[in-house]
């Protein structure tokens, strides 16, 4: 669990946003790996699940390449070209 949690935290890029919560998530995952009691595992898993849900909400939005961003960039290029053309006349 610890390795999977660490990988998800790295993917979410939340370490800088909320380092304390990220560290607690790793500690809970480590405890889940180490426990052999089903009741303890259930309690730790529930807490880890809730904490990871909170961390996912805090994750920065990836504004990478998607259709909406591509359309917005194209629109801005057209507007800039139109402004240059209007200024040059």
Protein backbone atom coordinates (compact mmCIF):
# COMPACT_ATOMS: atom_id res chain seq x y z
CA UNK A 1 0.00 0.00 0.00
CA UNK A 2 2.79 2.40 0.79
CA UNK A 3 4.30 2.13 -2.69
CA UNK A 4 0.93 2.58 -4.37
CA UNK A 5 0.10 5.55 -2.14
CA UNK A 6 3.48 7.15 -2.82
CA UNK A 7 2.99 6.68 -6.57
CA UNK A 8 -0.45 8.29 -6.45
CA UNK A 9 0.83 11.21 -4.37
CA UNK A 10 3.62 11.75 -6.90
CA UNK A 11 1.12 11.65 -9.74
CA UNK A 12 -1.19 14.12 -7.99
CA UNK A 13 1.66 16.55 -7.18
CA UNK A 14 0.17 17.30 -3.76
CA UNK A 15 3.40 17.07 -1.77
CA UNK A 16 4.05 20.78 -2.22
CA UNK A 17 0.40 21.73 -1.70
CA UNK A 18 -0.06 19.79 1.51
CA UNK A 19 3.11 18.06 2.69
CA UNK A 20 1.72 17.21 6.12
CA UNK A 21 -1.33 15.42 4.78
CA UNK A 22 0.78 13.60 2.21
CA UNK A 23 3.08 12.40 4.98
CA UNK A 24 0.11 11.22 7.06
CA UNK A 25 -1.19 9.29 4.05
CA UNK A 26 2.16 7.54 3.70
CA UNK A 27 2.21 6.71 7.39
CA UNK A 28 -1.30 5.26 7.20
CA UNK A 29 -0.33 3.21 4.15
CA UNK A 30 2.73 1.92 5.99
CA UNK A 31 0.53 0.96 8.96
CA UNK A 32 -1.83 -0.84 6.61
CA UNK A 33 1.09 -2.80 5.18
CA UNK A 34 2.30 -3.76 8.64
CA UNK A 35 -0.96 -4.71 10.36
CA UNK A 36 -2.20 -8.27 10.44
CA UNK A 37 -5.42 -7.55 12.32
CA UNK A 38 -8.48 -7.24 10.09
CA UNK A 39 -10.22 -4.71 12.32
CA UNK A 40 -7.17 -2.47 12.48
CA UNK A 41 -6.67 -2.80 8.74
CA UNK A 42 -10.28 -1.77 8.11
CA UNK A 43 -9.97 1.32 10.30
CA UNK A 44 -6.65 2.38 8.77
CA UNK A 45 -7.94 1.72 5.23
CA UNK A 46 -11.04 3.85 5.87
CA UNK A 47 -8.91 6.72 7.16
CA UNK A 48 -6.46 6.40 4.25
CA UNK A 49 -9.30 6.37 1.74
CA UNK A 50 -10.80 9.54 3.21
CA UNK A 51 -7.45 11.29 3.37
CA UNK A 52 -6.61 10.39 -0.23
CA UNK A 53 -10.01 11.74 -1.33
CA UNK A 54 -9.17 15.03 0.37
CA UNK A 55 -5.73 15.11 -1.23
CA UNK A 56 -7.22 14.47 -4.67
CA UNK A 57 -9.39 17.55 -4.18
CA UNK A 58 -6.30 19.60 -3.32
CA UNK A 59 -4.36 18.42 -6.36
CA UNK A 60 -3.52 21.16 -8.84
CA UNK A 61 -5.53 21.04 -12.04
CA UNK A 62 -3.52 19.79 -14.98
CA UNK A 63 -4.12 22.17 -17.85
CA UNK A 64 -2.19 20.09 -20.31
CA UNK A 65 -3.18 19.25 -23.83
CA UNK A 66 -6.91 18.78 -24.15
CA UNK A 67 -9.47 19.83 -26.72
CA UNK A 68 -10.85 22.77 -24.77
CA UNK A 69 -7.39 24.25 -24.15
CA UNK A 70 -6.44 23.68 -27.78
CA UNK A 71 -9.54 25.52 -29.00
CA UNK A 72 -8.87 28.41 -26.61
CA UNK A 73 -5.28 28.70 -27.86
CA UNK A 74 -6.42 28.69 -31.48
CA UNK A 75 -9.06 31.34 -30.74
CA UNK A 76 -6.47 33.55 -29.04
CA UNK A 77 -4.13 33.21 -32.04
CA UNK A 78 -6.92 34.25 -34.40
CA UNK A 79 -7.81 37.22 -32.21
CA UNK A 80 -4.18 38.31 -31.99
CA UNK A 81 -3.85 38.05 -35.78
CA UNK A 82 -7.04 40.08 -36.25
CA UNK A 83 -5.76 42.77 -33.84
CA UNK A 84 -2.44 42.97 -35.71
CA UNK A 85 -4.23 43.23 -39.02
CA UNK A 86 -6.55 45.96 -37.72
CA UNK A 87 -3.62 47.91 -36.27
CA UNK A 88 -1.71 47.67 -39.55
CA UNK A 89 -4.47 49.16 -41.72
